């Protein structure tokens, strides 16, 4: 898998990282989201969603320093976001 972390270039300059919480949710109502097609290639979107509201059973405090890729977050021009997304998807190796 490839990950690309990016925020608006304007926000990146302000270093918007803050302390927050990670909420732990019960998995029983979550379902895998369908894939999509990018640049003519099928792409699996590894995310789950629940069609019904759920309550968190725990929360974990996280700080910016907890994110191991904080120094690898790039900045993008908001009006060019779709172009960047396509470039990232095109750079990924696709199965034949």
PDB file of N, CA and C in Angstrom:
ATOM      1  N   UNK A   1       0.829  -1.178   0.000  1.00  0.00           N
ATOM      2  CA  UNK A   1       0.000   0.000   0.000  1.00  0.00           C
ATOM      3  C   UNK A   1       0.876   1.245   0.000  1.00  0.00           C
ATOM      4  N   UNK A   2       0.336   2.276  -0.567  1.00  0.00           N
ATOM      5  CA  UNK A   2       1.005   3.561  -0.585  1.00  0.00           C
ATOM      6  C   UNK A   2       0.151   4.563   0.182  1.00  0.00           C
ATOM      7  N   UNK A   3       0.799   5.400   0.936  1.00  0.00           N
ATOM      8  CA  UNK A   3       0.100   6.457   1.656  1.00  0.00           C
ATOM      9  C   UNK A   3       0.720   7.786   1.256  1.00  0.00           C
ATOM     10  N   UNK A   4      -0.127   8.745   1.084  1.00  0.00           N
ATOM     11  CA  UNK A   4       0.328  10.093   0.757  1.00  0.00           C
ATOM     12  C   UNK A   4      -0.432  11.039   1.670  1.00  0.00           C
ATOM     13  N   UNK A   5       0.277  11.754   2.514  1.00  0.00           N
ATOM     14  CA  UNK A   5      -0.341  12.671   3.454  1.00  0.00           C
ATOM     15  C   UNK A   5      -0.126  14.089   2.960  1.00  0.00           C
ATOM     16  N   UNK A   6      -1.220  14.827   2.828  1.00  0.00           N
ATOM     17  CA  UNK A   6      -1.133  16.174   2.287  1.00  0.00           C
ATOM     18  C   UNK A   6      -2.233  17.040   2.870  1.00  0.00           C
ATOM     19  N   UNK A   7      -1.890  18.283   3.127  1.00  0.00           N
ATOM     20  CA  UNK A   7      -2.862  19.301   3.520  1.00  0.00           C
ATOM     21  C   UNK A   7      -2.631  20.500   2.614  1.00  0.00           C
ATOM     22  N   UNK A   8      -3.540  21.407   2.639  1.00  0.00           N
ATOM     23  CA  UNK A   8      -3.387  22.628   1.853  1.00  0.00           C
ATOM     24  C   UNK A   8      -2.038  23.275   2.180  1.00  0.00           C
ATOM     25  N   UNK A   9      -1.356  23.752   1.157  1.00  0.00           N
ATOM     26  CA  UNK A   9      -0.042  24.381   1.344  1.00  0.00           C
ATOM     27  C   UNK A   9      -0.148  25.539   2.345  1.00  0.00           C
ATOM     28  N   UNK A  10      -1.251  26.271   2.288  1.00  0.00           N
ATOM     29  CA  UNK A  10      -1.459  27.390   3.206  1.00  0.00           C
ATOM     30  C   UNK A  10      -1.537  26.875   4.650  1.00  0.00           C
ATOM     31  N   UNK A  11      -2.247  25.780   4.871  1.00  0.00           N
ATOM     32  CA  UNK A  11      -2.350  25.213   6.221  1.00  0.00           C
ATOM     33  C   UNK A  11      -1.019  24.622   6.665  1.00  0.00           C
ATOM     34  N   UNK A  12      -0.297  23.993   5.755  1.00  0.00           N
ATOM     35  CA  UNK A  12       0.980  23.367   6.095  1.00  0.00           C
ATOM     36  C   UNK A  12       1.941  24.391   6.694  1.00  0.00           C
ATOM     37  N   UNK A  13       1.963  25.577   6.153  1.00  0.00           N
ATOM     38  CA  UNK A  13       2.837  26.619   6.658  1.00  0.00           C
ATOM     39  C   UNK A  13       2.500  27.044   8.083  1.00  0.00           C
ATOM     40  N   UNK A  14       1.264  26.805   8.499  1.00  0.00           N
ATOM     41  CA  UNK A  14       0.849  27.171   9.863  1.00  0.00           C
ATOM     42  C   UNK A  14       1.019  26.016  10.852  1.00  0.00           C
ATOM     43  N   UNK A  15       1.501  24.849  10.343  1.00  0.00           N
ATOM     44  CA  UNK A  15       1.684  23.683  11.215  1.00  0.00           C
ATOM     45  C   UNK A  15       0.428  23.452  12.073  1.00  0.00           C
ATOM     46  N   UNK A  16      -0.673  23.011  11.471  1.00  0.00           N
ATOM     47  CA  UNK A  16      -1.951  22.949  12.181  1.00  0.00           C
ATOM     48  C   UNK A  16      -2.133  21.754  13.126  1.00  0.00           C
ATOM     49  N   UNK A  17      -1.098  21.047  13.447  1.00  0.00           N
ATOM     50  CA  UNK A  17      -1.213  19.825  14.238  1.00  0.00           C
ATOM     51  C   UNK A  17      -1.637  20.144  15.673  1.00  0.00           C
ATOM     52  N   UNK A  18      -2.574  19.377  16.185  1.00  0.00           N
ATOM     53  CA  UNK A  18      -3.102  19.604  17.530  1.00  0.00           C
ATOM     54  C   UNK A  18      -3.275  18.274  18.257  1.00  0.00           C
ATOM     55  N   UNK A  19      -3.362  18.352  19.565  1.00  0.00           N
ATOM     56  CA  UNK A  19      -3.703  17.200  20.380  1.00  0.00           C
ATOM     57  C   UNK A  19      -5.183  16.890  20.153  1.00  0.00           C
ATOM     58  N   UNK A  20      -5.519  15.603  20.108  1.00  0.00           N
ATOM     59  CA  UNK A  20      -6.900  15.199  19.898  1.00  0.00           C
ATOM     60  C   UNK A  20      -7.133  13.813  20.467  1.00  0.00           C
ATOM     61  N   UNK A  21      -8.166  13.162  19.993  1.00  0.00           N
ATOM     62  CA  UNK A  21      -8.533  11.847  20.502  1.00  0.00           C
ATOM     63  C   UNK A  21      -8.807  10.875  19.363  1.00  0.00           C
ATOM     64  N   UNK A  22      -8.424   9.647  19.582  1.00  0.00           N
ATOM     65  CA  UNK A  22      -8.747   8.535  18.694  1.00  0.00           C
ATOM     66  C   UNK A  22      -9.848   7.762  19.402  1.00  0.00           C
ATOM     67  N   UNK A  23     -10.988   7.617  18.756  1.00  0.00           N
ATOM     68  CA  UNK A  23     -12.128   6.930  19.355  1.00  0.00           C
ATOM     69  C   UNK A  23     -12.158   5.479  18.889  1.00  0.00           C
ATOM     70  N   UNK A  24     -12.336   4.565  19.819  1.00  0.00           N
ATOM     71  CA  UNK A  24     -12.429   3.139  19.513  1.00  0.00           C
ATOM     72  C   UNK A  24     -13.908   2.771  19.447  1.00  0.00           C
ATOM     73  N   UNK A  25     -14.287   2.184  18.305  1.00  0.00           N
ATOM     74  CA  UNK A  25     -15.691   1.896  18.037  1.00  0.00           C
ATOM     75  C   UNK A  25     -15.928   0.400  17.905  1.00  0.00           C
ATOM     76  N   UNK A  26     -17.126  -0.085  18.256  1.00  0.00           N
ATOM     77  CA  UNK A  26     -17.433  -1.495  18.058  1.00  0.00           C
ATOM     78  C   UNK A  26     -17.536  -1.793  16.561  1.00  0.00           C
ATOM     79  N   UNK A  27     -16.978  -2.909  16.144  1.00  0.00           N
ATOM     80  CA  UNK A  27     -16.866  -3.222  14.711  1.00  0.00           C
ATOM     81  C   UNK A  27     -18.101  -3.887  14.101  1.00  0.00           C
ATOM     82  N   UNK A  28     -19.020  -4.374  14.891  1.00  0.00           N
ATOM     83  CA  UNK A  28     -20.076  -5.248  14.380  1.00  0.00           C
ATOM     84  C   UNK A  28     -20.978  -4.652  13.302  1.00  0.00           C
ATOM     85  N   UNK A  29     -21.173  -3.341  13.240  1.00  0.00           N
ATOM     86  CA  UNK A  29     -22.052  -2.774  12.204  1.00  0.00           C
ATOM     87  C   UNK A  29     -21.295  -2.161  11.036  1.00  0.00           C
ATOM     88  N   UNK A  30     -19.965  -2.238  11.056  1.00  0.00           N
ATOM     89  CA  UNK A  30     -19.174  -1.618   9.991  1.00  0.00           C
ATOM     90  C   UNK A  30     -19.054  -2.549   8.787  1.00  0.00           C
ATOM     91  N   UNK A  31     -19.116  -1.957   7.601  1.00  0.00           N
ATOM     92  CA  UNK A  31     -18.977  -2.713   6.355  1.00  0.00           C
ATOM     93  C   UNK A  31     -17.917  -2.039   5.485  1.00  0.00           C
ATOM     94  N   UNK A  32     -17.251  -2.846   4.661  1.00  0.00           N
ATOM     95  CA  UNK A  32     -16.217  -2.321   3.770  1.00  0.00           C
ATOM     96  C   UNK A  32     -16.849  -1.471   2.680  1.00  0.00           C
ATOM     97  N   UNK A  33     -16.220  -0.340   2.407  1.00  0.00           N
ATOM     98  CA  UNK A  33     -16.706   0.549   1.361  1.00  0.00           C
ATOM     99  C   UNK A  33     -16.301   0.011  -0.010  1.00  0.00           C
ATOM    100  N   UNK A  34     -17.115   0.236  -1.029  1.00  0.00           N
ATOM    101  CA  UNK A  34     -16.777  -0.280  -2.360  1.00  0.00           C
ATOM    102  C   UNK A  34     -15.548   0.405  -2.941  1.00  0.00           C
ATOM    103  N   UNK A  35     -14.893  -0.267  -3.860  1.00  0.00           N
ATOM    104  CA  UNK A  35     -13.735   0.289  -4.545  1.00  0.00           C
ATOM    105  C   UNK A  35     -14.156   1.381  -5.517  1.00  0.00           C
ATOM    106  N   UNK A  36     -13.182   1.960  -6.173  1.00  0.00           N
ATOM    107  CA  UNK A  36     -13.429   3.030  -7.134  1.00  0.00           C
ATOM    108  C   UNK A  36     -12.451   2.866  -8.285  1.00  0.00           C
ATOM    109  N   UNK A  37     -12.597   3.669  -9.310  1.00  0.00           N
ATOM    110  CA  UNK A  37     -11.683   3.650 -10.441  1.00  0.00           C
ATOM    111  C   UNK A  37     -11.000   5.002 -10.539  1.00  0.00           C
ATOM    112  N   UNK A  38      -9.673   4.974 -10.622  1.00  0.00           N
ATOM    113  CA  UNK A  38      -8.867   6.193 -10.757  1.00  0.00           C
ATOM    114  C   UNK A  38      -7.934   6.024 -11.939  1.00  0.00           C
ATOM    115  N   UNK A  39      -7.904   6.984 -12.801  1.00  0.00           N
ATOM    116  CA  UNK A  39      -7.023   6.966 -13.974  1.00  0.00           C
ATOM    117  C   UNK A  39      -7.190   5.671 -14.758  1.00  0.00           C
ATOM    118  N   UNK A  40      -8.422   5.172 -14.808  1.00  0.00           N
ATOM    119  CA  UNK A  40      -8.711   3.956 -15.565  1.00  0.00           C
ATOM    120  C   UNK A  40      -8.337   2.669 -14.863  1.00  0.00           C
ATOM    121  N   UNK A  41      -7.910   2.728 -13.606  1.00  0.00           N
ATOM    122  CA  UNK A  41      -7.500   1.547 -12.858  1.00  0.00           C
ATOM    123  C   UNK A  41      -8.406   1.349 -11.656  1.00  0.00           C
ATOM    124  N   UNK A  42      -8.793   0.099 -11.374  1.00  0.00           N
ATOM    125  CA  UNK A  42      -9.591  -0.134 -10.174  1.00  0.00           C
ATOM    126  C   UNK A  42      -8.728   0.104  -8.938  1.00  0.00           C
ATOM    127  N   UNK A  43      -9.304   0.698  -7.922  1.00  0.00           N
ATOM    128  CA  UNK A  43      -8.560   0.969  -6.690  1.00  0.00           C
ATOM    129  C   UNK A  43      -9.401   0.535  -5.499  1.00  0.00           C
ATOM    130  N   UNK A  44      -8.784  -0.186  -4.613  1.00  0.00           N
ATOM    131  CA  UNK A  44      -9.446  -0.588  -3.381  1.00  0.00           C
ATOM    132  C   UNK A  44      -9.299   0.552  -2.380  1.00  0.00           C
ATOM    133  N   UNK A  45     -10.389   0.960  -1.793  1.00  0.00           N
ATOM    134  CA  UNK A  45     -10.365   2.015  -0.793  1.00  0.00           C
ATOM    135  C   UNK A  45     -10.520   1.333   0.563  1.00  0.00           C
ATOM    136  N   UNK A  46      -9.418   1.150   1.286  1.00  0.00           N
ATOM    137  CA  UNK A  46      -9.491   0.384   2.523  1.00  0.00           C
ATOM    138  C   UNK A  46     -10.095   1.172   3.683  1.00  0.00           C
ATOM    139  N   UNK A  47     -11.404   1.321   3.643  1.00  0.00           N
ATOM    140  CA  UNK A  47     -12.054   1.995   4.754  1.00  0.00           C
ATOM    141  C   UNK A  47     -13.392   1.337   5.022  1.00  0.00           C
ATOM    142  N   UNK A  48     -13.833   1.455   6.249  1.00  0.00           N
ATOM    143  CA  UNK A  48     -15.101   0.885   6.683  1.00  0.00           C
ATOM    144  C   UNK A  48     -16.013   2.022   7.117  1.00  0.00           C
ATOM    145  N   UNK A  49     -17.319   1.763   7.050  1.00  0.00           N
ATOM    146  CA  UNK A  49     -18.296   2.739   7.529  1.00  0.00           C
ATOM    147  C   UNK A  49     -19.468   1.978   8.133  1.00  0.00           C
ATOM    148  N   UNK A  50     -20.124   2.595   9.092  1.00  0.00           N
ATOM    149  CA  UNK A  50     -21.307   2.002   9.707  1.00  0.00           C
ATOM    150  C   UNK A  50     -22.537   2.736   9.191  1.00  0.00           C
ATOM    151  N   UNK A  51     -23.543   2.001   8.737  1.00  0.00           N
ATOM    152  CA  UNK A  51     -24.770   2.664   8.270  1.00  0.00           C
ATOM    153  C   UNK A  51     -25.639   3.163   9.420  1.00  0.00           C
ATOM    154  N   UNK A  52     -25.260   2.819  10.649  1.00  0.00           N
ATOM    155  CA  UNK A  52     -26.014   3.273  11.819  1.00  0.00           C
ATOM    156  C   UNK A  52     -25.056   3.957  12.798  1.00  0.00           C
ATOM    157  N   UNK A  53     -25.598   4.807  13.639  1.00  0.00           N
ATOM    158  CA  UNK A  53     -24.787   5.489  14.642  1.00  0.00           C
ATOM    159  C   UNK A  53     -24.225   4.476  15.640  1.00  0.00           C
ATOM    160  N   UNK A  54     -23.011   4.706  16.082  1.00  0.00           N
ATOM    161  CA  UNK A  54     -22.381   3.845  17.086  1.00  0.00           C
ATOM    162  C   UNK A  54     -21.810   4.719  18.199  1.00  0.00           C
ATOM    163  N   UNK A  55     -21.632   4.120  19.364  1.00  0.00           N
ATOM    164  CA  UNK A  55     -21.023   4.824  20.488  1.00  0.00           C
ATOM    165  C   UNK A  55     -19.631   4.293  20.717  1.00  0.00           C
ATOM    166  N   UNK A  56     -18.698   5.187  20.934  1.00  0.00           N
ATOM    167  CA  UNK A  56     -17.325   4.791  21.232  1.00  0.00           C
ATOM    168  C   UNK A  56     -17.291   4.084  22.583  1.00  0.00           C
ATOM    169  N   UNK A  57     -16.464   3.027  22.665  1.00  0.00           N
ATOM    170  CA  UNK A  57     -16.312   2.363  23.955  1.00  0.00           C
ATOM    171  C   UNK A  57     -15.036   2.801  24.666  1.00  0.00           C
ATOM    172  N   UNK A  58     -14.190   3.552  23.971  1.00  0.00           N
ATOM    173  CA  UNK A  58     -12.984   4.097  24.593  1.00  0.00           C
ATOM    174  C   UNK A  58     -12.453   5.216  23.710  1.00  0.00           C
ATOM    175  N   UNK A  59     -11.598   6.038  24.289  1.00  0.00           N
ATOM    176  CA  UNK A  59     -10.909   7.058  23.510  1.00  0.00           C
ATOM    177  C   UNK A  59      -9.475   7.153  24.023  1.00  0.00           C
ATOM    178  N   UNK A  60      -8.594   7.455  23.095  1.00  0.00           N
ATOM    179  CA  UNK A  60      -7.168   7.518  23.385  1.00  0.00           C
ATOM    180  C   UNK A  60      -6.666   8.899  22.992  1.00  0.00           C
ATOM    181  N   UNK A  61      -6.033   9.578  23.920  1.00  0.00           N
ATOM    182  CA  UNK A  61      -5.476  10.906  23.634  1.00  0.00           C
ATOM    183  C   UNK A  61      -4.239  10.740  22.752  1.00  0.00           C
ATOM    184  N   UNK A  62      -4.154  11.518  21.678  1.00  0.00           N
ATOM    185  CA  UNK A  62      -3.000  11.487  20.782  1.00  0.00           C
ATOM    186  C   UNK A  62      -2.472  12.900  20.593  1.00  0.00           C
ATOM    187  N   UNK A  63      -1.166  12.977  20.408  1.00  0.00           N
ATOM    188  CA  UNK A  63      -0.508  14.261  20.201  1.00  0.00           C
ATOM    189  C   UNK A  63       0.210  14.229  18.859  1.00  0.00           C
ATOM    190  N   UNK A  64       0.509  15.374  18.290  1.00  0.00           N
ATOM    191  CA  UNK A  64       1.192  15.382  16.990  1.00  0.00           C
ATOM    192  C   UNK A  64       2.429  14.483  16.946  1.00  0.00           C
ATOM    193  N   UNK A  65       3.199  14.458  17.994  1.00  0.00           N
ATOM    194  CA  UNK A  65       4.421  13.635  17.994  1.00  0.00           C
ATOM    195  C   UNK A  65       4.119  12.132  17.926  1.00  0.00           C
ATOM    196  N   UNK A  66       2.871  11.723  18.146  1.00  0.00           N
ATOM    197  CA  UNK A  66       2.491  10.315  18.049  1.00  0.00           C
ATOM    198  C   UNK A  66       2.376   9.847  16.598  1.00  0.00           C
ATOM    199  N   UNK A  67       2.245  10.781  15.663  1.00  0.00           N
ATOM    200  CA  UNK A  67       2.084  10.434  14.242  1.00  0.00           C
ATOM    201  C   UNK A  67       3.469  10.252  13.629  1.00  0.00           C
ATOM    202  N   UNK A  68       3.823   9.018  13.239  1.00  0.00           N
ATOM    203  CA  UNK A  68       5.196   8.764  12.789  1.00  0.00           C
ATOM    204  C   UNK A  68       5.573   9.405  11.457  1.00  0.00           C
ATOM    205  N   UNK A  69       4.617   9.922  10.711  1.00  0.00           N
ATOM    206  CA  UNK A  69       4.908  10.506   9.401  1.00  0.00           C
ATOM    207  C   UNK A  69       4.723  12.023   9.389  1.00  0.00           C
ATOM    208  N   UNK A  70       4.737  12.628  10.550  1.00  0.00           N
ATOM    209  CA  UNK A  70       4.490  14.068  10.640  1.00  0.00           C
ATOM    210  C   UNK A  70       5.447  14.872   9.766  1.00  0.00           C
ATOM    211  N   UNK A  71       6.696  14.431   9.683  1.00  0.00           N
ATOM    212  CA  UNK A  71       7.679  15.156   8.874  1.00  0.00           C
ATOM    213  C   UNK A  71       7.571  14.842   7.389  1.00  0.00           C
ATOM    214  N   UNK A  72       6.625  13.979   7.001  1.00  0.00           N
ATOM    215  CA  UNK A  72       6.464  13.602   5.589  1.00  0.00           C
ATOM    216  C   UNK A  72       5.157  14.102   4.992  1.00  0.00           C
ATOM    217  N   UNK A  73       4.478  14.997   5.686  1.00  0.00           N
ATOM    218  CA  UNK A  73       3.224  15.552   5.175  1.00  0.00           C
ATOM    219  C   UNK A  73       3.567  16.652   4.179  1.00  0.00           C
ATOM    220  N   UNK A  74       3.011  16.530   2.992  1.00  0.00           N
ATOM    221  CA  UNK A  74       3.255  17.516   1.950  1.00  0.00           C
ATOM    222  C   UNK A  74       2.164  18.563   1.905  1.00  0.00           C
ATOM    223  N   UNK A  75       2.393  19.574   1.092  1.00  0.00           N
ATOM    224  CA  UNK A  75       1.404  20.620   0.898  1.00  0.00           C
ATOM    225  C   UNK A  75       0.930  20.635  -0.543  1.00  0.00           C
ATOM    226  N   UNK A  76      -0.332  20.912  -0.761  1.00  0.00           N
ATOM    227  CA  UNK A  76      -0.873  20.990  -2.121  1.00  0.00           C
ATOM    228  C   UNK A  76      -1.651  22.288  -2.297  1.00  0.00           C
ATOM    229  N   UNK A  77      -1.789  22.694  -3.547  1.00  0.00           N
ATOM    230  CA  UNK A  77      -2.638  23.828  -3.887  1.00  0.00           C
ATOM    231  C   UNK A  77      -4.055  23.291  -3.996  1.00  0.00           C
ATOM    232  N   UNK A  78      -4.975  23.851  -3.241  1.00  0.00           N
ATOM    233  CA  UNK A  78      -6.334  23.319  -3.208  1.00  0.00           C
ATOM    234  C   UNK A  78      -6.964  23.188  -4.591  1.00  0.00           C
ATOM    235  N   UNK A  79      -6.730  24.144  -5.484  1.00  0.00           N
ATOM    236  CA  UNK A  79      -7.354  24.099  -6.806  1.00  0.00           C
ATOM    237  C   UNK A  79      -6.743  22.998  -7.681  1.00  0.00           C
ATOM    238  N   UNK A  80      -5.629  22.391  -7.248  1.00  0.00           N
ATOM    239  CA  UNK A  80      -4.990  21.335  -8.034  1.00  0.00           C
ATOM    240  C   UNK A  80      -5.084  19.975  -7.339  1.00  0.00           C
ATOM    241  N   UNK A  81      -5.926  19.846  -6.319  1.00  0.00           N
ATOM    242  CA  UNK A  81      -6.009  18.618  -5.537  1.00  0.00           C
ATOM    243  C   UNK A  81      -6.361  17.399  -6.397  1.00  0.00           C
ATOM    244  N   UNK A  82      -7.315  17.527  -7.294  1.00  0.00           N
ATOM    245  CA  UNK A  82      -7.699  16.391  -8.144  1.00  0.00           C
ATOM    246  C   UNK A  82      -6.528  15.954  -9.014  1.00  0.00           C
ATOM    247  N   UNK A  83      -5.766  16.905  -9.515  1.00  0.00           N
ATOM    248  CA  UNK A  83      -4.594  16.586 -10.333  1.00  0.00           C
ATOM    249  C   UNK A  83      -3.558  15.810  -9.509  1.00  0.00           C
ATOM    250  N   UNK A  84      -3.319  16.248  -8.277  1.00  0.00           N
ATOM    251  CA  UNK A  84      -2.372  15.558  -7.404  1.00  0.00           C
ATOM    252  C   UNK A  84      -2.854  14.138  -7.094  1.00  0.00           C
ATOM    253  N   UNK A  85      -4.128  14.008  -6.797  1.00  0.00           N
ATOM    254  CA  UNK A  85      -4.673  12.684  -6.485  1.00  0.00           C
ATOM    255  C   UNK A  85      -4.477  11.741  -7.661  1.00  0.00           C
ATOM    256  N   UNK A  86      -4.710  12.197  -8.868  1.00  0.00           N
ATOM    257  CA  UNK A  86      -4.528  11.358 -10.046  1.00  0.00           C
ATOM    258  C   UNK A  86      -3.051  10.999 -10.219  1.00  0.00           C
ATOM    259  N   UNK A  87      -2.151  11.926  -9.976  1.00  0.00           N
ATOM    260  CA  UNK A  87      -0.721  11.636 -10.095  1.00  0.00           C
ATOM    261  C   UNK A  87      -0.290  10.576  -9.092  1.00  0.00           C
ATOM    262  N   UNK A  88      -0.794  10.658  -7.869  1.00  0.00           N
ATOM    263  CA  UNK A  88      -0.458   9.669  -6.846  1.00  0.00           C
ATOM    264  C   UNK A  88      -0.988   8.297  -7.261  1.00  0.00           C
ATOM    265  N   UNK A  89      -2.239   8.252  -7.713  1.00  0.00           N
ATOM    266  CA  UNK A  89      -2.824   6.972  -8.132  1.00  0.00           C
ATOM    267  C   UNK A  89      -2.084   6.404  -9.347  1.00  0.00           C
ATOM    268  N   UNK A  90      -1.662   7.242 -10.261  1.00  0.00           N
ATOM    269  CA  UNK A  90      -0.956   6.777 -11.453  1.00  0.00           C
ATOM    270  C   UNK A  90       0.427   6.227 -11.118  1.00  0.00           C
ATOM    271  N   UNK A  91       1.020   6.705 -10.034  1.00  0.00           N
ATOM    272  CA  UNK A  91       2.348   6.247  -9.646  1.00  0.00           C
ATOM    273  C   UNK A  91       2.323   4.894  -8.944  1.00  0.00           C
ATOM    274  N   UNK A  92       1.167   4.469  -8.483  1.00  0.00           N
ATOM    275  CA  UNK A  92       1.065   3.187  -7.767  1.00  0.00           C
ATOM    276  C   UNK A  92       1.159   2.028  -8.769  1.00  0.00           C
ATOM    277  N   UNK A  93       1.827   0.947  -8.379  1.00  0.00           N
ATOM    278  CA  UNK A  93       1.888  -0.226  -9.277  1.00  0.00           C
ATOM    279  C   UNK A  93       0.535  -0.931  -9.290  1.00  0.00           C
ATOM    280  N   UNK A  94       0.013  -1.195 -10.462  1.00  0.00           N
ATOM    281  CA  UNK A  94      -1.283  -1.851 -10.595  1.00  0.00           C
ATOM    282  C   UNK A  94      -1.084  -3.276 -11.070  1.00  0.00           C
ATOM    283  N   UNK A  95      -1.880  -4.214 -10.556  1.00  0.00           N
ATOM    284  CA  UNK A  95      -1.781  -5.593 -11.037  1.00  0.00           C
ATOM    285  C   UNK A  95      -2.237  -5.708 -12.485  1.00  0.00           C
ATOM    286  N   UNK A  96      -1.635  -6.600 -13.213  1.00  0.00           N
ATOM    287  CA  UNK A  96      -2.025  -6.805 -14.624  1.00  0.00           C
ATOM    288  C   UNK A  96      -3.297  -7.611 -14.736  1.00  0.00           C
TER     289      UNK A  96
END
